Every structure is written in C-alpha cells, then in structure tokens.
PDB file of N, CA and C in Angstrom:
ATOM      1  N   MET A   1      25.490  -3.953  17.264  1.00  0.00           N
ATOM      2  CA  MET A   1      24.018  -3.834  16.272  1.00  0.00           C
ATOM      3  C   MET A   1      24.600  -4.582  14.843  1.00  0.00           C
ATOM      4  N   PRO A   2      23.749  -5.519  14.392  1.00  0.00           N
ATOM      5  CA  PRO A   2      23.898  -6.102  13.519  1.00  0.00           C
ATOM      6  C   PRO A   2      23.596  -5.505  12.261  1.00  0.00           C
ATOM      7  N   LYS A   3      23.947  -5.863  11.132  1.00  0.00           N
ATOM      8  CA  LYS A   3      24.270  -5.346   9.911  1.00  0.00           C
ATOM      9  C   LYS A   3      22.691  -5.105   9.271  1.00  0.00           C
ATOM     10  N   MET A   4      22.238  -4.282   8.395  1.00  0.00           N
ATOM     11  CA  MET A   4      21.515  -3.971   7.964  1.00  0.00           C
ATOM     12  C   MET A   4      21.326  -5.136   6.757  1.00  0.00           C
ATOM     13  N   LYS A   5      20.445  -5.763   6.578  1.00  0.00           N
ATOM     14  CA  LYS A   5      20.251  -6.447   5.232  1.00  0.00           C
ATOM     15  C   LYS A   5      19.369  -5.818   4.380  1.00  0.00           C
ATOM     16  N   THR A   6      20.115  -6.321   2.794  1.00  0.00           N
ATOM     17  CA  THR A   6      19.305  -5.300   1.849  1.00  0.00           C
ATOM     18  C   THR A   6      18.259  -6.383   1.294  1.00  0.00           C
ATOM     19  N   LYS A   7      16.916  -5.302   1.399  1.00  0.00           N
ATOM     20  CA  LYS A   7      15.894  -6.141   0.643  1.00  0.00           C
ATOM     21  C   LYS A   7      16.415  -6.965  -0.953  1.00  0.00           C
ATOM     22  N   LYS A   8      16.328  -7.681  -1.299  1.00  0.00           N
ATOM     23  CA  LYS A   8      16.881  -8.130  -2.767  1.00  0.00           C
ATOM     24  C   LYS A   8      15.681  -7.705  -3.493  1.00  0.00           C
ATOM     25  N   ALA A   9      14.828  -7.672  -3.411  1.00  0.00           N
ATOM     26  CA  ALA A   9      13.677  -7.440  -4.355  1.00  0.00           C
ATOM     27  C   ALA A   9      13.860  -5.765  -4.839  1.00  0.00           C
ATOM     28  N   ALA A  10      13.937  -5.070  -4.377  1.00  0.00           N
ATOM     29  CA  ALA A  10      14.501  -3.923  -4.034  1.00  0.00           C
ATOM     30  C   ALA A  10      15.864  -3.283  -4.583  1.00  0.00           C
ATOM     31  N   ALA A  11      16.687  -4.191  -4.577  1.00  0.00           N
ATOM     32  CA  ALA A  11      17.993  -4.311  -4.936  1.00  0.00           C
ATOM     33  C   ALA A  11      18.390  -4.364  -6.659  1.00  0.00           C
ATOM     34  N   LYS A  12      17.245  -5.357  -6.620  1.00  0.00           N
ATOM     35  CA  LYS A  12      17.196  -6.073  -8.375  1.00  0.00           C
ATOM     36  C   LYS A  12      16.563  -4.924  -8.964  1.00  0.00           C
ATOM     37  N   ARG A  13      15.556  -3.900  -8.653  1.00  0.00           N
ATOM     38  CA  ARG A  13      14.664  -2.602  -9.250  1.00  0.00           C
ATOM     39  C   ARG A  13      15.073  -1.664  -9.359  1.00  0.00           C
ATOM     40  N   PHE A  14      15.712  -1.318  -7.987  1.00  0.00           N
ATOM     41  CA  PHE A  14      16.535  -0.047  -8.287  1.00  0.00           C
ATOM     42  C   PHE A  14      17.822   0.057  -7.850  1.00  0.00           C
ATOM     43  N   ARG A  15      18.685   1.570  -8.530  1.00  0.00           N
ATOM     44  CA  ARG A  15      19.839   1.699  -8.229  1.00  0.00           C
ATOM     45  C   ARG A  15      20.142   3.165  -7.967  1.00  0.00           C
ATOM     46  N   VAL A  16      20.617   3.739  -6.754  1.00  0.00           N
ATOM     47  CA  VAL A  16      21.050   5.043  -6.292  1.00  0.00           C
ATOM     48  C   VAL A  16      22.084   5.946  -7.303  1.00  0.00           C
ATOM     49  N   THR A  17      21.862   6.809  -8.001  1.00  0.00           N
ATOM     50  CA  THR A  17      22.972   7.564  -8.681  1.00  0.00           C
ATOM     51  C   THR A  17      23.574   8.530  -7.596  1.00  0.00           C
ATOM     52  N   GLY A  18      24.579   8.631  -8.546  1.00  0.00           N
ATOM     53  CA  GLY A  18      25.663   9.932  -7.805  1.00  0.00           C
ATOM     54  C   GLY A  18      25.189  11.133  -6.916  1.00  0.00           C
ATOM     55  N   THR A  19      23.956  11.676  -7.273  1.00  0.00           N
ATOM     56  CA  THR A  19      23.419  12.719  -6.881  1.00  0.00           C
ATOM     57  C   THR A  19      22.476  12.388  -5.766  1.00  0.00           C
ATOM     58  N   GLY A  20      21.711  10.719  -5.636  1.00  0.00           N
ATOM     59  CA  GLY A  20      21.163  10.686  -4.636  1.00  0.00           C
ATOM     60  C   GLY A  20      19.852  10.249  -4.946  1.00  0.00           C
ATOM     61  N   ARG A  21      19.405  10.319  -6.553  1.00  0.00           N
ATOM     62  CA  ARG A  21      18.450  10.407  -6.767  1.00  0.00           C
ATOM     63  C   ARG A  21      18.210   8.828  -7.008  1.00  0.00           C
ATOM     64  N   VAL A  22      16.658   8.287  -7.219  1.00  0.00           N
ATOM     65  CA  VAL A  22      16.843   6.759  -7.435  1.00  0.00           C
ATOM     66  C   VAL A  22      16.151   6.579  -8.884  1.00  0.00           C
ATOM     67  N   ARG A  23      17.236   5.361  -9.830  1.00  0.00           N
ATOM     68  CA  ARG A  23      16.931   5.093 -11.121  1.00  0.00           C
ATOM     69  C   ARG A  23      16.172   4.043 -11.231  1.00  0.00           C
ATOM     70  N   ARG A  24      15.032   3.619 -11.741  1.00  0.00           N
ATOM     71  CA  ARG A  24      14.712   2.366 -12.099  1.00  0.00           C
ATOM     72  C   ARG A  24      14.348   1.981 -13.871  1.00  0.00           C
ATOM     73  N   SER A  25      13.960   1.054 -13.627  1.00  0.00           N
ATOM     74  CA  SER A  25      13.616   0.565 -15.419  1.00  0.00           C
ATOM     75  C   SER A  25      12.530   0.912 -15.646  1.00  0.00           C
ATOM     76  N   LYS A  26      12.131   1.043 -16.909  1.00  0.00           N
ATOM     77  CA  LYS A  26      10.983   0.989 -17.382  1.00  0.00           C
ATOM     78  C   LYS A  26       9.868  -0.248 -17.537  1.00  0.00           C
ATOM     79  N   ALA A  27       8.780  -0.148 -17.034  1.00  0.00           N
ATOM     80  CA  ALA A  27       7.437  -1.320 -17.123  1.00  0.00           C
ATOM     81  C   ALA A  27       7.356  -1.833 -18.564  1.00  0.00           C
ATOM     82  N   GLY A  28       6.892  -2.733 -19.115  1.00  0.00           N
ATOM     83  CA  GLY A  28       5.858  -2.971 -19.985  1.00  0.00           C
ATOM     84  C   GLY A  28       7.010  -3.282 -21.190  1.00  0.00           C
ATOM     85  N   GLY A  29       8.156  -4.078 -20.696  1.00  0.00           N
ATOM     86  CA  GLY A  29       9.464  -4.282 -21.848  1.00  0.00           C
ATOM     87  C   GLY A  29       9.910  -5.800 -22.093  1.00  0.00           C
ATOM     88  N   ASN A  30       9.019  -6.497 -21.305  1.00  0.00           N
ATOM     89  CA  ASN A  30       9.298  -8.082 -21.280  1.00  0.00           C
ATOM     90  C   ASN A  30       8.517  -8.947 -22.207  1.00  0.00           C
ATOM     91  N   HIS A  31       7.345  -8.825 -22.663  1.00  0.00           N
ATOM     92  CA  HIS A  31       6.532  -9.592 -23.515  1.00  0.00           C
ATOM     93  C   HIS A  31       5.782  -9.060 -24.350  1.00  0.00           C
ATOM     94  N   GLY A  32       5.420  -9.479 -25.554  1.00  0.00           N
ATOM     95  CA  GLY A  32       4.269  -9.149 -26.322  1.00  0.00           C
ATOM     96  C   GLY A  32       4.891  -7.836 -27.122  1.00  0.00           C
ATOM     97  N   MET A  33       5.969  -8.461 -27.725  1.00  0.00           N
ATOM     98  CA  MET A  33       7.322  -7.133 -28.100  1.00  0.00           C
ATOM     99  C   MET A  33       6.391  -6.742 -29.652  1.00  0.00           C
ATOM    100  N   GLN A  34       5.899  -7.906 -30.297  1.00  0.00           N
ATOM    101  CA  GLN A  34       5.384  -7.408 -31.616  1.00  0.00           C
ATOM    102  C   GLN A  34       4.182  -6.512 -31.711  1.00  0.00           C
ATOM    103  N   GLU A  35       3.417  -6.565 -31.061  1.00  0.00           N
ATOM    104  CA  GLU A  35       2.421  -5.349 -30.850  1.00  0.00           C
ATOM    105  C   GLU A  35       2.714  -3.920 -30.381  1.00  0.00           C
ATOM    106  N   LYS A  36       4.205  -4.061 -29.942  1.00  0.00           N
ATOM    107  CA  LYS A  36       4.661  -2.764 -29.846  1.00  0.00           C
ATOM    108  C   LYS A  36       5.311  -1.864 -30.963  1.00  0.00           C
ATOM    109  N   SER A  37       5.201  -0.762 -31.002  1.00  0.00           N
ATOM    110  CA  SER A  37       5.610  -0.241 -31.936  1.00  0.00           C
ATOM    111  C   SER A  37       7.576   0.049 -31.713  1.00  0.00           C
ATOM    112  N   ARG A  38       8.347  -0.008 -32.867  1.00  0.00           N
ATOM    113  CA  ARG A  38       9.744  -0.118 -32.479  1.00  0.00           C
ATOM    114  C   ARG A  38      10.433   1.322 -31.477  1.00  0.00           C
ATOM    115  N   LYS A  39       9.762   2.747 -31.623  1.00  0.00           N
ATOM    116  CA  LYS A  39       9.786   3.513 -31.096  1.00  0.00           C
ATOM    117  C   LYS A  39       9.228   3.379 -29.903  1.00  0.00           C
ATOM    118  N   ARG A  40       8.613   2.915 -29.345  1.00  0.00           N
ATOM    119  CA  ARG A  40       7.973   2.434 -28.079  1.00  0.00           C
ATOM    120  C   ARG A  40       8.899   1.635 -27.007  1.00  0.00           C
ATOM    121  N   LEU A  41       9.469   0.405 -27.692  1.00  0.00           N
ATOM    122  CA  LEU A  41      10.168  -0.111 -27.121  1.00  0.00           C
ATOM    123  C   LEU A  41      11.864   0.478 -27.290  1.00  0.00           C
ATOM    124  N   ARG A  42      11.883   1.239 -28.103  1.00  0.00           N
ATOM    125  CA  ARG A  42      13.637   2.057 -27.761  1.00  0.00           C
ATOM    126  C   ARG A  42      13.304   3.372 -26.803  1.00  0.00           C
ATOM    127  N   ARG A  43      12.228   3.673 -26.579  1.00  0.00           N
ATOM    128  CA  ARG A  43      12.050   4.229 -25.173  1.00  0.00           C
ATOM    129  C   ARG A  43      11.713   3.494 -23.945  1.00  0.00           C
ATOM    130  N   LEU A  44      11.481   2.204 -23.903  1.00  0.00           N
ATOM    131  CA  LEU A  44      11.339   1.494 -22.369  1.00  0.00           C
ATOM    132  C   LEU A  44      12.976   0.984 -22.301  1.00  0.00           C
ATOM    133  N   ARG A  45      13.713   1.122 -23.260  1.00  0.00           N
ATOM    134  CA  ARG A  45      15.038   0.605 -23.257  1.00  0.00           C
ATOM    135  C   ARG A  45      15.685   1.551 -22.084  1.00  0.00           C
ATOM    136  N   GLN A  46      15.641   2.569 -22.164  1.00  0.00           N
ATOM    137  CA  GLN A  46      16.032   3.784 -21.091  1.00  0.00           C
ATOM    138  C   GLN A  46      15.858   3.810 -19.798  1.00  0.00           C
ATOM    139  N   ASN A  47      16.445   3.923 -19.348  1.00  0.00           N
ATOM    140  CA  ASN A  47      15.805   3.777 -17.462  1.00  0.00           C
ATOM    141  C   ASN A  47      15.186   5.492 -17.180  1.00  0.00           C
ATOM    142  N   ASP A  48      14.365   5.471 -16.221  1.00  0.00           N
ATOM    143  CA  ASP A  48      13.205   6.392 -15.470  1.00  0.00           C
ATOM    144  C   ASP A  48      14.086   6.492 -14.123  1.00  0.00           C
ATOM    145  N   MET A  49      13.667   8.089 -13.984  1.00  0.00           N
ATOM    146  CA  MET A  49      13.667   8.296 -12.181  1.00  0.00           C
ATOM    147  C   MET A  49      12.530   7.570 -11.561  1.00  0.00           C
ATOM    148  N   VAL A  50      12.778   7.317 -10.077  1.00  0.00           N
ATOM    149  CA  VAL A  50      11.466   6.870  -9.450  1.00  0.00           C
ATOM    150  C   VAL A  50      11.077   8.438  -8.866  1.00  0.00           C
ATOM    151  N   ASP A  51       9.854   8.305  -8.757  1.00  0.00           N
ATOM    152  CA  ASP A  51       8.838   9.811  -8.534  1.00  0.00           C
ATOM    153  C   ASP A  51       9.595  10.509  -7.317  1.00  0.00           C
ATOM    154  N   LYS A  52       9.577  11.576  -7.101  1.00  0.00           N
ATOM    155  CA  LYS A  52      10.359  12.442  -6.144  1.00  0.00           C
ATOM    156  C   LYS A  52       9.134  11.698  -4.318  1.00  0.00           C
ATOM    157  N   SER A  53       7.839  11.491  -4.619  1.00  0.00           N
ATOM    158  CA  SER A  53       6.935  11.363  -3.538  1.00  0.00           C
ATOM    159  C   SER A  53       7.609  10.094  -3.199  1.00  0.00           C
ATOM    160  N   MET A  54       7.629   9.004  -3.862  1.00  0.00           N
ATOM    161  CA  MET A  54       8.253   8.070  -3.732  1.00  0.00           C
ATOM    162  C   MET A  54       9.815   7.390  -3.362  1.00  0.00           C
ATOM    163  N   GLN A  55      10.550   8.589  -3.472  1.00  0.00           N
ATOM    164  CA  GLN A  55      12.044   8.108  -3.246  1.00  0.00           C
ATOM    165  C   GLN A  55      12.544   7.822  -2.144  1.00  0.00           C
ATOM    166  N   LYS A  56      12.235   8.437  -1.055  1.00  0.00           N
ATOM    167  CA  LYS A  56      12.258   8.553   0.083  1.00  0.00           C
ATOM    168  C   LYS A  56      12.089   7.085   0.573  1.00  0.00           C
ATOM    169  N   ARG A  57      10.506   5.966   0.198  1.00  0.00           N
ATOM    170  CA  ARG A  57      10.236   4.633   0.653  1.00  0.00           C
ATOM    171  C   ARG A  57      11.396   3.998  -0.083  1.00  0.00           C
ATOM    172  N   ALA A  58      11.908   4.181  -1.395  1.00  0.00           N
ATOM    173  CA  ALA A  58      12.395   3.371  -2.405  1.00  0.00           C
ATOM    174  C   ALA A  58      14.004   3.184  -1.924  1.00  0.00           C
ATOM    175  N   ARG A  59      14.614   4.100  -0.837  1.00  0.00           N
ATOM    176  CA  ARG A  59      16.203   4.634  -0.579  1.00  0.00           C
ATOM    177  C   ARG A  59      16.061   4.233   0.733  1.00  0.00           C
ATOM    178  N   ARG A  60      14.821   3.869   2.020  1.00  0.00           N
ATOM    179  CA  ARG A  60      14.615   2.827   2.997  1.00  0.00           C
ATOM    180  C   ARG A  60      14.822   1.794   2.574  1.00  0.00           C
ATOM    181  N   LEU A  61      14.708   0.936   1.514  1.00  0.00           N
ATOM    182  CA  LEU A  61      14.722  -0.382   1.054  1.00  0.00           C
ATOM    183  C   LEU A  61      16.150  -0.792   1.069  1.00  0.00           C
ATOM    184  N   LEU A  62      16.974   0.000   0.852  1.00  0.00           N
ATOM    185  CA  LEU A  62      18.431  -0.231   0.350  1.00  0.00           C
ATOM    186  C   LEU A  62      19.414   0.503   1.391  1.00  0.00           C
ATOM    187  N   PRO A  63      20.158  -0.155   1.655  1.00  0.00           N
ATOM    188  CA  PRO A  63      21.151  -0.091   3.336  1.00  0.00           C
ATOM    189  C   PRO A  63      22.040   1.083   2.509  1.00  0.00           C
ATOM    190  N   TYR A  64      22.548   1.318   1.316  1.00  0.00           N
ATOM    191  CA  TYR A  64      23.661   2.249   0.697  1.00  0.00           C
ATOM    192  C   TYR A  64      22.640   3.286   0.111  1.00  0.00           C
ATOM    193  N   GLY A  65      21.392   2.926   0.245  1.00  0.00           N
ATOM    194  CA  GLY A  65      20.668   4.590  -0.174  1.00  0.00           C
ATOM    195  C   GLY A  65      20.922   5.742   0.586  1.00  0.00           C
TER     196      GLY A  65
END
C-alpha cells in the first residue's frame, strides 16, 4: 500500500494539537490594516480552533490527523 500524500493546502492552514483538536489562524489579517483597529489586529494574531462540526473533514486532509 503506498503512503498517503499530504494535502499541502490543508497542511499550510491547519495543525493538530496534542489533544487532537484542529487549530487554524484567523482570517482578515493580511491587507487593509489601516482601516482595522489595533485591538482587532491583536485579536487576529491569535490562533483559533476549527469548529467541532468541521473538525473531522479538516483532519481527513492530514495524514497525521
């Protein structure tokens, strides 16, 4: 049986935590920064978790998930 290939797009977006949950970065922090408040940009820097209903799909894309 050949090895399962990693879906590279998913590998760049998701990481699996030690407890098995899927971590992702928040959207909206790439451009148009001057219009966004400093508080909002600080919040965007923190990681977020993938919703429980989408976790199974996200983990299916990662061979180590």
